Amino acid sequence: MKPISQLTEQERAVLVLLAVGQRNARIAAELCISIRTVENHLYHIFHKLGVSSRIEATLYALRNDLVSNSEMSGTTQDL
């Protein structure tokens, strides 16, 4: 079983938003959840995927086609 298949629908949504450069507060607002819930989802995502950083999780999402290159190129990071 691939680790990606272990993610819940909400965790996948968080991962996609993370991969396009969104910060926790923006992810929370987009999904109508609290920042703490985003943090909990990220903890579970990292554990399930066997990664330890936002960058590794983003690379995992890209390598597994959860986010297209066009989605990546049209975004800007919140500063």
PDB file of N, CA and C in Angstrom:
ATOM      1  N   MET A   1       0.834  -1.173   0.000  1.00  0.00           N
ATOM      2  CA  MET A   1       0.000   0.000   0.000  1.00  0.00           C
ATOM      3  C   MET A   1       0.887   1.247   0.000  1.00  0.00           C
ATOM      4  N   LYS A   2       0.616   2.159  -0.929  1.00  0.00           N
ATOM      5  CA  LYS A   2       1.392   3.393  -0.990  1.00  0.00           C
ATOM      6  C   LYS A   2       1.012   4.302   0.177  1.00  0.00           C
ATOM      7  N   PRO A   3       2.005   4.994   0.735  1.00  0.00           N
ATOM      8  CA  PRO A   3       1.701   5.898   1.854  1.00  0.00           C
ATOM      9  C   PRO A   3       0.627   6.935   1.516  1.00  0.00           C
ATOM     10  N   ILE A   4       0.585   7.385   0.280  1.00  0.00           N
ATOM     11  CA  ILE A   4      -0.384   8.405  -0.109  1.00  0.00           C
ATOM     12  C   ILE A   4      -1.806   7.906   0.079  1.00  0.00           C
ATOM     13  N   SER A   5      -2.026   6.604  -0.079  1.00  0.00           N
ATOM     14  CA  SER A   5      -3.366   6.047   0.068  1.00  0.00           C
ATOM     15  C   SER A   5      -3.825   6.027   1.526  1.00  0.00           C
ATOM     16  N   GLN A   6      -2.905   6.229   2.451  1.00  0.00           N
ATOM     17  CA  GLN A   6      -3.242   6.252   3.868  1.00  0.00           C
ATOM     18  C   GLN A   6      -3.774   7.609   4.319  1.00  0.00           C
ATOM     19  N   LEU A   7      -3.617   8.632   3.474  1.00  0.00           N
ATOM     20  CA  LEU A   7      -4.075   9.974   3.844  1.00  0.00           C
ATOM     21  C   LEU A   7      -5.586  10.084   3.738  1.00  0.00           C
ATOM     22  N   THR A   8      -6.171  10.806   4.682  1.00  0.00           N
ATOM     23  CA  THR A   8      -7.599  11.094   4.607  1.00  0.00           C
ATOM     24  C   THR A   8      -7.827  12.160   3.531  1.00  0.00           C
ATOM     25  N   GLU A   9      -9.065  12.361   3.161  1.00  0.00           N
ATOM     26  CA  GLU A   9      -9.398  13.393   2.163  1.00  0.00           C
ATOM     27  C   GLU A   9      -8.947  14.773   2.639  1.00  0.00           C
ATOM     28  N   GLN A  10      -9.163  15.061   3.920  1.00  0.00           N
ATOM     29  CA  GLN A  10      -8.761  16.355   4.479  1.00  0.00           C
ATOM     30  C   GLN A  10      -7.234  16.496   4.483  1.00  0.00           C
ATOM     31  N   GLU A  11      -6.519  15.431   4.815  1.00  0.00           N
ATOM     32  CA  GLU A  11      -5.056  15.476   4.804  1.00  0.00           C
ATOM     33  C   GLU A  11      -4.542  15.710   3.382  1.00  0.00           C
ATOM     34  N   ARG A  12      -5.182  15.094   2.402  1.00  0.00           N
ATOM     35  CA  ARG A  12      -4.795  15.332   1.002  1.00  0.00           C
ATOM     36  C   ARG A  12      -4.990  16.787   0.629  1.00  0.00           C
ATOM     37  N   ALA A  13      -6.103  17.376   1.058  1.00  0.00           N
ATOM     38  CA  ALA A  13      -6.383  18.782   0.758  1.00  0.00           C
ATOM     39  C   ALA A  13      -5.320  19.680   1.388  1.00  0.00           C
ATOM     40  N   VAL A  14      -4.946  19.382   2.623  1.00  0.00           N
ATOM     41  CA  VAL A  14      -3.891  20.148   3.300  1.00  0.00           C
ATOM     42  C   VAL A  14      -2.576  19.982   2.553  1.00  0.00           C
ATOM     43  N   LEU A  15      -2.246  18.776   2.145  1.00  0.00           N
ATOM     44  CA  LEU A  15      -1.000  18.521   1.433  1.00  0.00           C
ATOM     45  C   LEU A  15      -0.943  19.284   0.114  1.00  0.00           C
ATOM     46  N   VAL A  16      -2.035  19.307  -0.617  1.00  0.00           N
ATOM     47  CA  VAL A  16      -2.063  20.032  -1.895  1.00  0.00           C
ATOM     48  C   VAL A  16      -1.832  21.527  -1.658  1.00  0.00           C
ATOM     49  N   LEU A  17      -2.514  22.099  -0.677  1.00  0.00           N
ATOM     50  CA  LEU A  17      -2.330  23.520  -0.393  1.00  0.00           C
ATOM     51  C   LEU A  17      -0.913  23.807   0.100  1.00  0.00           C
ATOM     52  N   LEU A  18      -0.369  22.918   0.901  1.00  0.00           N
ATOM     53  CA  LEU A  18       1.018  23.043   1.349  1.00  0.00           C
ATOM     54  C   LEU A  18       1.955  23.032   0.151  1.00  0.00           C
ATOM     55  N   ALA A  19       1.706  22.122  -0.775  1.00  0.00           N
ATOM     56  CA  ALA A  19       2.587  21.950  -1.932  1.00  0.00           C
ATOM     57  C   ALA A  19       2.581  23.151  -2.868  1.00  0.00           C
ATOM     58  N   VAL A  20       1.504  23.920  -2.863  1.00  0.00           N
ATOM     59  CA  VAL A  20       1.473  25.112  -3.714  1.00  0.00           C
ATOM     60  C   VAL A  20       1.933  26.355  -2.961  1.00  0.00           C
ATOM     61  N   GLY A  21       2.487  26.141  -1.776  1.00  0.00           N
ATOM     62  CA  GLY A  21       3.153  27.227  -1.061  1.00  0.00           C
ATOM     63  C   GLY A  21       2.340  27.971  -0.031  1.00  0.00           C
ATOM     64  N   GLN A  22       1.194  27.429   0.343  1.00  0.00           N
ATOM     65  CA  GLN A  22       0.360  28.118   1.324  1.00  0.00           C
ATOM     66  C   GLN A  22       0.874  27.888   2.744  1.00  0.00           C
ATOM     67  N   ARG A  23       0.768  28.926   3.538  1.00  0.00           N
ATOM     68  CA  ARG A  23       1.123  28.824   4.947  1.00  0.00           C
ATOM     69  C   ARG A  23      -0.052  28.266   5.741  1.00  0.00           C
ATOM     70  N   ASN A  24       0.210  27.869   6.973  1.00  0.00           N
ATOM     71  CA  ASN A  24      -0.816  27.231   7.795  1.00  0.00           C
ATOM     72  C   ASN A  24      -2.074  28.085   7.937  1.00  0.00           C
ATOM     73  N   ALA A  25      -1.912  29.384   8.158  1.00  0.00           N
ATOM     74  CA  ALA A  25      -3.078  30.255   8.335  1.00  0.00           C
ATOM     75  C   ALA A  25      -3.932  30.293   7.073  1.00  0.00           C
ATOM     76  N   ARG A  26      -3.310  30.329   5.912  1.00  0.00           N
ATOM     77  CA  ARG A  26      -4.051  30.351   4.650  1.00  0.00           C
ATOM     78  C   ARG A  26      -4.741  29.011   4.408  1.00  0.00           C
ATOM     79  N   ILE A  27      -4.050  27.919   4.729  1.00  0.00           N
ATOM     80  CA  ILE A  27      -4.652  26.585   4.591  1.00  0.00           C
ATOM     81  C   ILE A  27      -5.885  26.498   5.481  1.00  0.00           C
ATOM     82  N   ALA A  28      -5.761  26.966   6.714  1.00  0.00           N
ATOM     83  CA  ALA A  28      -6.877  26.933   7.658  1.00  0.00           C
ATOM     84  C   ALA A  28      -8.064  27.726   7.115  1.00  0.00           C
ATOM     85  N   ALA A  29      -7.800  28.914   6.609  1.00  0.00           N
ATOM     86  CA  ALA A  29      -8.874  29.750   6.073  1.00  0.00           C
ATOM     87  C   ALA A  29      -9.529  29.098   4.858  1.00  0.00           C
ATOM     88  N   GLU A  30      -8.726  28.542   3.985  1.00  0.00           N
ATOM     89  CA  GLU A  30      -9.231  27.908   2.765  1.00  0.00           C
ATOM     90  C   GLU A  30     -10.135  26.711   3.082  1.00  0.00           C
ATOM     91  N   LEU A  31      -9.759  25.938   4.093  1.00  0.00           N
ATOM     92  CA  LEU A  31     -10.498  24.719   4.431  1.00  0.00           C
ATOM     93  C   LEU A  31     -11.505  24.914   5.572  1.00  0.00           C
ATOM     94  N   CYS A  32     -11.585  26.150   6.086  1.00  0.00           N
ATOM     95  CA  CYS A  32     -12.508  26.472   7.196  1.00  0.00           C
ATOM     96  C   CYS A  32     -12.249  25.592   8.415  1.00  0.00           C
ATOM     97  N   ILE A  33     -10.961  25.480   8.768  1.00  0.00           N
ATOM     98  CA  ILE A  33     -10.556  24.746   9.957  1.00  0.00           C
ATOM     99  C   ILE A  33      -9.588  25.622  10.747  1.00  0.00           C
ATOM    100  N   SER A  34      -9.268  25.234  11.956  1.00  0.00           N
ATOM    101  CA  SER A  34      -8.354  26.033  12.768  1.00  0.00           C
ATOM    102  C   SER A  34      -6.898  25.767  12.365  1.00  0.00           C
ATOM    103  N   ILE A  35      -6.052  26.685  12.728  1.00  0.00           N
ATOM    104  CA  ILE A  35      -4.620  26.516  12.465  1.00  0.00           C
ATOM    105  C   ILE A  35      -4.107  25.289  13.218  1.00  0.00           C
ATOM    106  N   ARG A  36      -4.611  25.072  14.411  1.00  0.00           N
ATOM    107  CA  ARG A  36      -4.202  23.901  15.200  1.00  0.00           C
ATOM    108  C   ARG A  36      -4.570  22.606  14.475  1.00  0.00           C
ATOM    109  N   THR A  37      -5.734  22.596  13.834  1.00  0.00           N
ATOM    110  CA  THR A  37      -6.139  21.414  13.074  1.00  0.00           C
ATOM    111  C   THR A  37      -5.212  21.202  11.886  1.00  0.00           C
ATOM    112  N   VAL A  38      -4.811  22.293  11.228  1.00  0.00           N
ATOM    113  CA  VAL A  38      -3.845  22.185  10.133  1.00  0.00           C
ATOM    114  C   VAL A  38      -2.552  21.579  10.661  1.00  0.00           C
ATOM    115  N   GLU A  39      -2.081  22.052  11.804  1.00  0.00           N
ATOM    116  CA  GLU A  39      -0.854  21.517  12.396  1.00  0.00           C
ATOM    117  C   GLU A  39      -0.989  20.026  12.691  1.00  0.00           C
ATOM    118  N   ASN A  40      -2.145  19.621  13.205  1.00  0.00           N
ATOM    119  CA  ASN A  40      -2.379  18.194  13.471  1.00  0.00           C
ATOM    120  C   ASN A  40      -2.367  17.385  12.176  1.00  0.00           C
ATOM    121  N   HIS A  41      -3.019  17.910  11.147  1.00  0.00           N
ATOM    122  CA  HIS A  41      -3.013  17.224   9.856  1.00  0.00           C
ATOM    123  C   HIS A  41      -1.581  17.094   9.324  1.00  0.00           C
ATOM    124  N   LEU A  42      -0.800  18.161   9.430  1.00  0.00           N
ATOM    125  CA  LEU A  42       0.585  18.113   8.944  1.00  0.00           C
ATOM    126  C   LEU A  42       1.393  17.063   9.710  1.00  0.00           C
ATOM    127  N   TYR A  43       1.195  16.994  11.006  1.00  0.00           N
ATOM    128  CA  TYR A  43       1.880  15.975  11.804  1.00  0.00           C
ATOM    129  C   TYR A  43       1.557  14.579  11.267  1.00  0.00           C
ATOM    130  N   HIS A  44       0.279  14.319  11.030  1.00  0.00           N
ATOM    131  CA  HIS A  44      -0.132  13.004  10.525  1.00  0.00           C
ATOM    132  C   HIS A  44       0.372  12.764   9.097  1.00  0.00           C
ATOM    133  N   ILE A  45       0.325  13.797   8.267  1.00  0.00           N
ATOM    134  CA  ILE A  45       0.831  13.674   6.895  1.00  0.00           C
ATOM    135  C   ILE A  45       2.306  13.307   6.912  1.00  0.00           C
ATOM    136  N   PHE A  46       3.096  14.042   7.677  1.00  0.00           N
ATOM    137  CA  PHE A  46       4.535  13.780   7.749  1.00  0.00           C
ATOM    138  C   PHE A  46       4.791  12.348   8.212  1.00  0.00           C
ATOM    139  N   HIS A  47       4.052  11.925   9.240  1.00  0.00           N
ATOM    140  CA  HIS A  47       4.234  10.570   9.777  1.00  0.00           C
ATOM    141  C   HIS A  47       3.870   9.512   8.725  1.00  0.00           C
ATOM    142  N   LYS A  48       2.718   9.670   8.091  1.00  0.00           N
ATOM    143  CA  LYS A  48       2.256   8.680   7.120  1.00  0.00           C
ATOM    144  C   LYS A  48       3.145   8.606   5.883  1.00  0.00           C
ATOM    145  N   LEU A  49       3.689   9.755   5.455  1.00  0.00           N
ATOM    146  CA  LEU A  49       4.530   9.780   4.261  1.00  0.00           C
ATOM    147  C   LEU A  49       5.993   9.493   4.569  1.00  0.00           C
ATOM    148  N   GLY A  50       6.352   9.514   5.848  1.00  0.00           N
ATOM    149  CA  GLY A  50       7.738   9.272   6.227  1.00  0.00           C
ATOM    150  C   GLY A  50       8.652  10.438   5.876  1.00  0.00           C
ATOM    151  N   VAL A  51       8.117  11.655   5.997  1.00  0.00           N
ATOM    152  CA  VAL A  51       8.902  12.856   5.718  1.00  0.00           C
ATOM    153  C   VAL A  51       9.016  13.676   6.996  1.00  0.00           C
ATOM    154  N   SER A  52       9.934  14.648   6.995  1.00  0.00           N
ATOM    155  CA  SER A  52      10.131  15.430   8.211  1.00  0.00           C
ATOM    156  C   SER A  52      10.078  16.935   7.989  1.00  0.00           C
ATOM    157  N   SER A  53       9.686  17.366   6.795  1.00  0.00           N
ATOM    158  CA  SER A  53       9.619  18.811   6.551  1.00  0.00           C
ATOM    159  C   SER A  53       8.577  19.135   5.492  1.00  0.00           C
ATOM    160  N   ARG A  54       8.225  20.412   5.420  1.00  0.00           N
ATOM    161  CA  ARG A  54       7.282  20.896   4.410  1.00  0.00           C
ATOM    162  C   ARG A  54       7.851  20.674   3.011  1.00  0.00           C
ATOM    163  N   ILE A  55       9.137  20.861   2.871  1.00  0.00           N
ATOM    164  CA  ILE A  55       9.776  20.689   1.561  1.00  0.00           C
ATOM    165  C   ILE A  55       9.681  19.230   1.111  1.00  0.00           C
ATOM    166  N   GLU A  56       9.997  18.306   2.007  1.00  0.00           N
ATOM    167  CA  GLU A  56       9.894  16.884   1.654  1.00  0.00           C
ATOM    168  C   GLU A  56       8.456  16.501   1.303  1.00  0.00           C
ATOM    169  N   ALA A  57       7.489  17.030   2.054  1.00  0.00           N
ATOM    170  CA  ALA A  57       6.085  16.745   1.772  1.00  0.00           C
ATOM    171  C   ALA A  57       5.686  17.314   0.412  1.00  0.00           C
ATOM    172  N   THR A  58       6.175  18.512   0.090  1.00  0.00           N
ATOM    173  CA  THR A  58       5.892  19.124  -1.211  1.00  0.00           C
ATOM    174  C   THR A  58       6.479  18.284  -2.336  1.00  0.00           C
ATOM    175  N   LEU A  59       7.707  17.855  -2.180  1.00  0.00           N
ATOM    176  CA  LEU A  59       8.333  17.006  -3.195  1.00  0.00           C
ATOM    177  C   LEU A  59       7.570  15.699  -3.362  1.00  0.00           C
ATOM    178  N   TYR A  60       7.113  15.130  -2.267  1.00  0.00           N
ATOM    179  CA  TYR A  60       6.320  13.901  -2.334  1.00  0.00           C
ATOM    180  C   TYR A  60       5.041  14.149  -3.132  1.00  0.00           C
ATOM    181  N   ALA A  61       4.368  15.260  -2.862  1.00  0.00           N
ATOM    182  CA  ALA A  61       3.132  15.589  -3.576  1.00  0.00           C
ATOM    183  C   ALA A  61       3.389  15.758  -5.070  1.00  0.00           C
ATOM    184  N   LEU A  62       4.485  16.402  -5.415  1.00  0.00           N
ATOM    185  CA  LEU A  62       4.828  16.604  -6.831  1.00  0.00           C
ATOM    186  C   LEU A  62       5.150  15.280  -7.512  1.00  0.00           C
ATOM    187  N   ARG A  63       5.938  14.463  -6.852  1.00  0.00           N
ATOM    188  CA  ARG A  63       6.340  13.177  -7.437  1.00  0.00           C
ATOM    189  C   ARG A  63       5.167  12.210  -7.607  1.00  0.00           C
ATOM    190  N   ASN A  64       4.125  12.419  -6.815  1.00  0.00           N
ATOM    191  CA  ASN A  64       2.961  11.541  -6.881  1.00  0.00           C
ATOM    192  C   ASN A  64       1.770  12.211  -7.572  1.00  0.00           C
ATOM    193  N   ASP A  65       2.071  13.262  -8.324  1.00  0.00           N
ATOM    194  CA  ASP A  65       1.075  13.938  -9.168  1.00  0.00           C
ATOM    195  C   ASP A  65      -0.149  14.446  -8.411  1.00  0.00           C
ATOM    196  N   LEU A  66       0.021  14.859  -7.157  1.00  0.00           N
ATOM    197  CA  LEU A  66      -1.079  15.483  -6.437  1.00  0.00           C
ATOM    198  C   LEU A  66      -1.230  16.947  -6.833  1.00  0.00           C
ATOM    199  N   VAL A  67      -0.152  17.511  -7.339  1.00  0.00           N
ATOM    200  CA  VAL A  67      -0.139  18.911  -7.765  1.00  0.00           C
ATOM    201  C   VAL A  67       0.547  18.970  -9.119  1.00  0.00           C
ATOM    202  N   SER A  68      -0.060  19.687 -10.043  1.00  0.00           N
ATOM    203  CA  SER A  68       0.548  19.819 -11.365  1.00  0.00           C
ATOM    204  C   SER A  68       1.546  20.964 -11.387  1.00  0.00           C
ATOM    205  N   ASN A  69       2.440  20.941 -12.352  1.00  0.00           N
ATOM    206  CA  ASN A  69       3.412  22.021 -12.507  1.00  0.00           C
ATOM    207  C   ASN A  69       2.725  23.345 -12.782  1.00  0.00           C
ATOM    208  N   SER A  70       1.598  23.330 -13.485  1.00  0.00           N
ATOM    209  CA  SER A  70       0.887  24.572 -13.770  1.00  0.00           C
ATOM    210  C   SER A  70       0.334  25.190 -12.498  1.00  0.00           C
ATOM    211  N   GLU A  71      -0.110  24.355 -11.558  1.00  0.00           N
ATOM    212  CA  GLU A  71      -0.580  24.876 -10.276  1.00  0.00           C
ATOM    213  C   GLU A  71       0.580  25.499  -9.508  1.00  0.00           C
ATOM    214  N   MET A  72       1.746  24.894  -9.599  1.00  0.00           N
ATOM    215  CA  MET A  72       2.915  25.407  -8.889  1.00  0.00           C
ATOM    216  C   MET A  72       3.391  26.726  -9.474  1.00  0.00           C
ATOM    217  N   SER A  73       3.385  26.869 -10.777  1.00  0.00           N
ATOM    218  CA  SER A  73       3.940  28.059 -11.401  1.00  0.00           C
ATOM    219  C   SER A  73       3.053  29.285 -11.258  1.00  0.00           C
ATOM    220  N   GLY A  74       1.771  29.088 -11.000  1.00  0.00           N
ATOM    221  CA  GLY A  74       0.854  30.224 -10.916  1.00  0.00           C
ATOM    222  C   GLY A  74       0.618  30.727  -9.517  1.00  0.00           C
ATOM    223  N   THR A  75       1.403  30.287  -8.556  1.00  0.00           N
ATOM    224  CA  THR A  75       1.158  30.689  -7.177  1.00  0.00           C
ATOM    225  C   THR A  75       2.290  31.550  -6.655  1.00  0.00           C
ATOM    226  N   THR A  76       1.952  32.314  -5.633  1.00  0.00           N
ATOM    227  CA  THR A  76       2.955  33.081  -4.909  1.00  0.00           C
ATOM    228  C   THR A  76       2.837  32.725  -3.444  1.00  0.00           C
ATOM    229  N   GLN A  77       3.949  32.739  -2.766  1.00  0.00           N
ATOM    230  CA  GLN A  77       3.924  32.429  -1.347  1.00  0.00           C
ATOM    231  C   GLN A  77       3.501  33.640  -0.557  1.00  0.00           C
ATOM    232  N   ASP A  78       2.795  33.402   0.550  1.00  0.00           N
ATOM    233  CA  ASP A  78       2.487  34.465   1.487  1.00  0.00           C
ATOM    234  C   ASP A  78       3.769  34.790   2.236  1.00  0.00           C
ATOM    235  N   LEU A  79       4.038  36.039   2.385  1.00  0.00           N
ATOM    236  CA  LEU A  79       5.246  36.437   3.121  1.00  0.00           C
ATOM    237  C   LEU A  79       4.919  36.909   4.496  1.00  0.00           C
TER     238      LEU A  79
END
